[in-house]
N, C-alpha and C. Protein backbone atom coordinates (compact mmCIF):
# COMPACT_ATOMS: atom_id res chain seq x y z
N MET A 1 -122.84 115.89 -41.13
CA MET A 1 -121.55 115.22 -41.07
C MET A 1 -121.41 114.23 -42.23
N LEU A 2 -122.50 113.54 -42.58
CA LEU A 2 -122.41 112.60 -43.70
C LEU A 2 -122.10 113.31 -45.01
N LEU A 3 -122.68 114.49 -45.19
CA LEU A 3 -122.39 115.27 -46.40
C LEU A 3 -120.92 115.71 -46.41
N GLU A 4 -120.42 116.12 -45.25
CA GLU A 4 -118.99 116.48 -45.14
C GLU A 4 -118.13 115.29 -45.54
N TRP A 5 -118.45 114.14 -45.00
CA TRP A 5 -117.67 112.93 -45.28
C TRP A 5 -117.71 112.58 -46.77
N HIS A 6 -118.89 112.66 -47.37
CA HIS A 6 -119.02 112.37 -48.80
C HIS A 6 -118.17 113.33 -49.62
N ASN A 7 -118.29 114.62 -49.35
CA ASN A 7 -117.52 115.63 -50.10
C ASN A 7 -116.02 115.45 -49.91
N LEU A 8 -115.62 115.09 -48.70
CA LEU A 8 -114.20 114.87 -48.44
C LEU A 8 -113.68 113.68 -49.25
N LYS A 9 -114.46 112.60 -49.30
CA LYS A 9 -114.03 111.43 -50.09
C LYS A 9 -113.91 111.78 -51.56
N VAL A 10 -114.85 112.55 -52.09
CA VAL A 10 -114.80 112.95 -53.50
C VAL A 10 -113.54 113.76 -53.75
N ARG A 11 -113.25 114.72 -52.87
CA ARG A 11 -112.07 115.56 -53.03
C ARG A 11 -110.78 114.74 -52.93
N LEU A 12 -110.74 113.80 -52.02
CA LEU A 12 -109.55 112.95 -51.88
C LEU A 12 -109.31 112.12 -53.14
N LEU A 13 -110.37 111.58 -53.70
CA LEU A 13 -110.22 110.79 -54.93
C LEU A 13 -109.71 111.65 -56.07
N GLN A 14 -110.21 112.88 -56.16
CA GLN A 14 -109.74 113.80 -57.19
C GLN A 14 -108.25 114.12 -56.99
N ASP A 15 -107.88 114.42 -55.76
CA ASP A 15 -106.48 114.75 -55.46
C ASP A 15 -105.56 113.57 -55.71
N LYS A 16 -106.04 112.37 -55.39
CA LYS A 16 -105.21 111.19 -55.60
C LYS A 16 -104.99 110.95 -57.10
N LYS A 17 -106.03 111.15 -57.90
CA LYS A 17 -105.89 111.00 -59.36
C LYS A 17 -104.91 112.01 -59.92
N LYS A 18 -104.86 113.20 -59.33
CA LYS A 18 -103.93 114.25 -59.77
C LYS A 18 -102.56 114.09 -59.12
N LYS A 19 -102.37 113.02 -58.37
CA LYS A 19 -101.10 112.69 -57.72
C LYS A 19 -100.61 113.79 -56.78
N ARG A 20 -101.52 114.37 -56.03
CA ARG A 20 -101.15 115.41 -55.07
C ARG A 20 -100.63 114.83 -53.77
N PHE A 21 -100.89 113.57 -53.53
CA PHE A 21 -100.37 112.92 -52.33
C PHE A 21 -100.24 111.43 -52.57
N GLY A 22 -99.45 110.78 -51.71
CA GLY A 22 -99.16 109.37 -51.89
C GLY A 22 -100.20 108.43 -51.34
N GLY A 23 -100.60 108.58 -50.12
CA GLY A 23 -101.55 107.65 -49.55
C GLY A 23 -101.77 107.85 -48.07
N ASP A 24 -101.02 108.74 -47.46
CA ASP A 24 -101.20 109.03 -46.04
C ASP A 24 -102.33 110.04 -45.91
N TYR A 25 -103.55 109.52 -45.92
CA TYR A 25 -104.74 110.36 -45.99
C TYR A 25 -104.86 111.32 -44.81
N ILE A 26 -104.68 110.81 -43.61
CA ILE A 26 -104.92 111.64 -42.43
C ILE A 26 -103.98 112.82 -42.39
N ASN A 27 -102.68 112.59 -42.57
CA ASN A 27 -101.73 113.70 -42.55
C ASN A 27 -101.99 114.68 -43.69
N TYR A 28 -102.37 114.17 -44.85
CA TYR A 28 -102.67 115.04 -45.98
C TYR A 28 -103.87 115.93 -45.66
N ILE A 29 -104.93 115.35 -45.14
CA ILE A 29 -106.14 116.13 -44.82
C ILE A 29 -105.85 117.16 -43.73
N LEU A 30 -105.13 116.75 -42.70
CA LEU A 30 -104.85 117.66 -41.59
C LEU A 30 -103.91 118.79 -41.99
N SER A 31 -103.07 118.57 -43.01
CA SER A 31 -102.09 119.60 -43.39
C SER A 31 -102.58 120.53 -44.50
N GLU A 32 -103.58 120.13 -45.26
CA GLU A 32 -104.08 120.95 -46.37
C GLU A 32 -105.06 122.01 -45.86
N SER A 33 -104.84 123.24 -46.22
CA SER A 33 -105.72 124.33 -45.77
C SER A 33 -107.11 124.21 -46.39
N TYR A 34 -107.21 123.58 -47.56
CA TYR A 34 -108.51 123.43 -48.22
C TYR A 34 -109.52 122.74 -47.30
N PHE A 35 -109.07 121.76 -46.53
CA PHE A 35 -109.97 120.96 -45.70
C PHE A 35 -110.34 121.64 -44.38
N GLN A 36 -109.77 122.80 -44.09
CA GLN A 36 -110.03 123.46 -42.82
C GLN A 36 -111.43 124.07 -42.76
N ASN A 37 -112.00 124.45 -43.88
CA ASN A 37 -113.33 125.06 -43.92
C ASN A 37 -114.32 124.13 -44.60
N GLY A 38 -115.45 123.93 -43.96
CA GLY A 38 -116.50 123.11 -44.54
C GLY A 38 -116.45 121.65 -44.12
N TYR A 39 -115.39 121.27 -43.41
CA TYR A 39 -115.23 119.88 -42.98
C TYR A 39 -114.95 119.81 -41.47
N GLU A 40 -115.54 120.73 -40.72
CA GLU A 40 -115.22 120.86 -39.31
C GLU A 40 -115.49 119.58 -38.52
N GLY A 41 -116.62 118.93 -38.75
CA GLY A 41 -116.96 117.71 -38.03
C GLY A 41 -116.00 116.58 -38.32
N VAL A 42 -115.70 116.38 -39.59
CA VAL A 42 -114.77 115.32 -39.99
C VAL A 42 -113.37 115.64 -39.50
N MET A 43 -112.97 116.91 -39.55
CA MET A 43 -111.64 117.31 -39.08
C MET A 43 -111.49 117.01 -37.59
N GLU A 44 -112.53 117.27 -36.83
CA GLU A 44 -112.46 117.00 -35.39
C GLU A 44 -112.28 115.51 -35.14
N LEU A 45 -113.01 114.68 -35.88
CA LEU A 45 -112.86 113.23 -35.73
C LEU A 45 -111.46 112.76 -36.15
N LEU A 46 -110.91 113.34 -37.21
CA LEU A 46 -109.57 112.96 -37.66
C LEU A 46 -108.51 113.37 -36.65
N LYS A 47 -108.69 114.52 -36.02
CA LYS A 47 -107.73 114.94 -34.99
C LYS A 47 -107.76 113.98 -33.81
N ILE A 48 -108.94 113.55 -33.44
CA ILE A 48 -109.07 112.58 -32.35
C ILE A 48 -108.41 111.27 -32.75
N ASP A 49 -108.67 110.82 -33.98
CA ASP A 49 -108.09 109.57 -34.47
C ASP A 49 -106.58 109.65 -34.51
N ALA A 50 -106.04 110.78 -34.95
CA ALA A 50 -104.59 110.93 -35.05
C ALA A 50 -103.93 110.92 -33.67
N SER A 51 -104.67 111.30 -32.64
CA SER A 51 -104.09 111.35 -31.31
C SER A 51 -104.17 110.01 -30.57
N LEU A 52 -104.95 109.07 -31.08
CA LEU A 52 -105.10 107.78 -30.42
C LEU A 52 -103.94 106.84 -30.76
N SER A 53 -103.60 106.04 -29.82
CA SER A 53 -102.54 105.06 -30.05
C SER A 53 -103.09 103.91 -30.89
N SER A 54 -102.30 103.44 -31.80
CA SER A 54 -102.73 102.30 -32.61
C SER A 54 -102.14 101.00 -32.10
N SER A 55 -101.63 101.05 -30.89
CA SER A 55 -100.99 99.88 -30.31
C SER A 55 -101.58 99.60 -28.93
N ASN A 56 -101.45 98.39 -28.48
CA ASN A 56 -101.93 98.05 -27.15
C ASN A 56 -100.77 97.80 -26.19
N VAL A 57 -99.61 98.39 -26.48
CA VAL A 57 -98.42 98.18 -25.67
C VAL A 57 -98.64 98.64 -24.23
N GLU A 58 -99.25 99.81 -24.05
CA GLU A 58 -99.48 100.32 -22.70
C GLU A 58 -100.39 99.39 -21.90
N VAL A 59 -101.40 98.84 -22.55
CA VAL A 59 -102.30 97.91 -21.87
C VAL A 59 -101.53 96.66 -21.45
N GLU A 60 -100.72 96.14 -22.35
CA GLU A 60 -99.93 94.94 -22.04
C GLU A 60 -98.97 95.19 -20.89
N ARG A 61 -98.35 96.38 -20.87
CA ARG A 61 -97.45 96.72 -19.77
C ARG A 61 -98.21 96.78 -18.45
N GLY A 62 -99.41 97.36 -18.51
CA GLY A 62 -100.22 97.44 -17.31
C GLY A 62 -100.56 96.07 -16.75
N PHE A 63 -100.95 95.14 -17.62
CA PHE A 63 -101.26 93.78 -17.16
C PHE A 63 -100.01 93.09 -16.63
N SER A 64 -98.88 93.33 -17.27
CA SER A 64 -97.63 92.74 -16.80
C SER A 64 -97.29 93.25 -15.41
N ASP A 65 -97.44 94.56 -15.20
CA ASP A 65 -97.17 95.13 -13.88
C ASP A 65 -98.15 94.60 -12.84
N MET A 66 -99.41 94.45 -13.22
CA MET A 66 -100.41 93.93 -12.29
C MET A 66 -100.07 92.49 -11.89
N ASN A 67 -99.59 91.71 -12.85
CA ASN A 67 -99.23 90.33 -12.54
C ASN A 67 -98.02 90.26 -11.61
N LYS A 68 -97.16 91.28 -11.65
CA LYS A 68 -96.03 91.33 -10.71
C LYS A 68 -96.52 91.68 -9.30
N ILE A 69 -97.58 92.47 -9.22
CA ILE A 69 -98.11 92.90 -7.93
C ILE A 69 -98.98 91.81 -7.31
N LYS A 70 -99.90 91.27 -8.07
CA LYS A 70 -100.84 90.29 -7.53
C LYS A 70 -100.34 88.89 -7.88
N THR A 71 -99.61 88.32 -6.98
CA THR A 71 -99.05 86.98 -7.16
C THR A 71 -99.88 85.97 -6.37
N LYS A 72 -99.50 84.70 -6.45
CA LYS A 72 -100.20 83.66 -5.68
C LYS A 72 -100.08 83.91 -4.18
N LEU A 73 -98.96 84.49 -3.77
CA LEU A 73 -98.76 84.75 -2.34
C LEU A 73 -99.54 85.99 -1.88
N ARG A 74 -99.87 86.87 -2.81
CA ARG A 74 -100.58 88.10 -2.43
C ARG A 74 -101.95 88.16 -3.13
N ASN A 75 -102.64 87.06 -3.20
CA ASN A 75 -103.90 87.02 -3.93
C ASN A 75 -105.10 87.54 -3.14
N LYS A 76 -104.90 87.92 -1.88
CA LYS A 76 -106.02 88.43 -1.08
C LYS A 76 -106.02 89.95 -0.99
N LEU A 77 -105.25 90.61 -1.85
CA LEU A 77 -105.24 92.07 -1.87
C LEU A 77 -106.59 92.57 -2.35
N ASP A 78 -107.12 93.59 -1.68
CA ASP A 78 -108.39 94.13 -2.14
C ASP A 78 -108.16 95.09 -3.32
N ALA A 79 -109.23 95.45 -3.98
CA ALA A 79 -109.14 96.26 -5.20
C ALA A 79 -108.48 97.61 -4.94
N GLY A 80 -108.79 98.22 -3.80
CA GLY A 80 -108.19 99.52 -3.48
C GLY A 80 -106.69 99.44 -3.32
N ARG A 81 -106.21 98.40 -2.65
CA ARG A 81 -104.77 98.23 -2.45
C ARG A 81 -104.07 97.97 -3.79
N ILE A 82 -104.69 97.14 -4.62
CA ILE A 82 -104.11 96.87 -5.95
C ILE A 82 -104.05 98.16 -6.76
N GLN A 83 -105.10 98.95 -6.70
CA GLN A 83 -105.12 100.22 -7.43
C GLN A 83 -104.00 101.14 -6.95
N ASP A 84 -103.81 101.22 -5.62
CA ASP A 84 -102.73 102.05 -5.07
C ASP A 84 -101.37 101.56 -5.53
N LEU A 85 -101.15 100.27 -5.46
CA LEU A 85 -99.86 99.71 -5.88
C LEU A 85 -99.63 99.88 -7.38
N MET A 86 -100.69 99.75 -8.16
CA MET A 86 -100.58 99.97 -9.61
C MET A 86 -100.22 101.42 -9.90
N SER A 87 -100.84 102.36 -9.20
CA SER A 87 -100.53 103.78 -9.40
C SER A 87 -99.07 104.06 -9.10
N ILE A 88 -98.58 103.48 -8.01
CA ILE A 88 -97.17 103.66 -7.66
C ILE A 88 -96.28 103.05 -8.74
N THR A 89 -96.63 101.86 -9.18
CA THR A 89 -95.82 101.17 -10.19
C THR A 89 -95.80 101.93 -11.51
N LEU A 90 -96.97 102.38 -11.96
CA LEU A 90 -97.05 103.03 -13.27
C LEU A 90 -96.57 104.48 -13.26
N ASN A 91 -96.75 105.18 -12.14
CA ASN A 91 -96.46 106.61 -12.11
C ASN A 91 -95.28 107.00 -11.25
N GLY A 92 -94.76 106.04 -10.48
CA GLY A 92 -93.67 106.34 -9.57
C GLY A 92 -92.35 106.52 -10.29
N GLU A 93 -91.34 106.87 -9.49
CA GLU A 93 -90.00 107.04 -10.06
C GLU A 93 -89.45 105.70 -10.49
N GLU A 94 -88.53 105.75 -11.48
CA GLU A 94 -87.89 104.54 -11.93
C GLU A 94 -86.96 104.03 -10.86
N VAL A 95 -86.95 102.73 -10.68
CA VAL A 95 -86.03 102.11 -9.72
C VAL A 95 -84.69 101.93 -10.41
N LYS A 96 -83.65 102.43 -9.77
CA LYS A 96 -82.30 102.32 -10.35
C LYS A 96 -81.56 101.15 -9.71
N ASN A 97 -80.84 100.41 -10.53
CA ASN A 97 -80.10 99.25 -10.03
C ASN A 97 -78.91 99.68 -9.22
């Protein structure tokens, strides 16, 4: 895998000098057929990286919803009940006004 990574970096630097792409490395690598053979390990890691969220918005929403569920008046809820209520909150139907 280290040899794949080294060869990929060399090829990217060559392509960048020849102005074949602007700077979006991941999309360039994933779209070029040249990188499909010989870079299988690195390609798999890049596909995983491209599928991951680069934001923590979902986590923040989850904590916000949990704070709505577990208030000072309902602070004795056990973990199972909180988990059930969180599942309903996060996966249930939208409440319409």
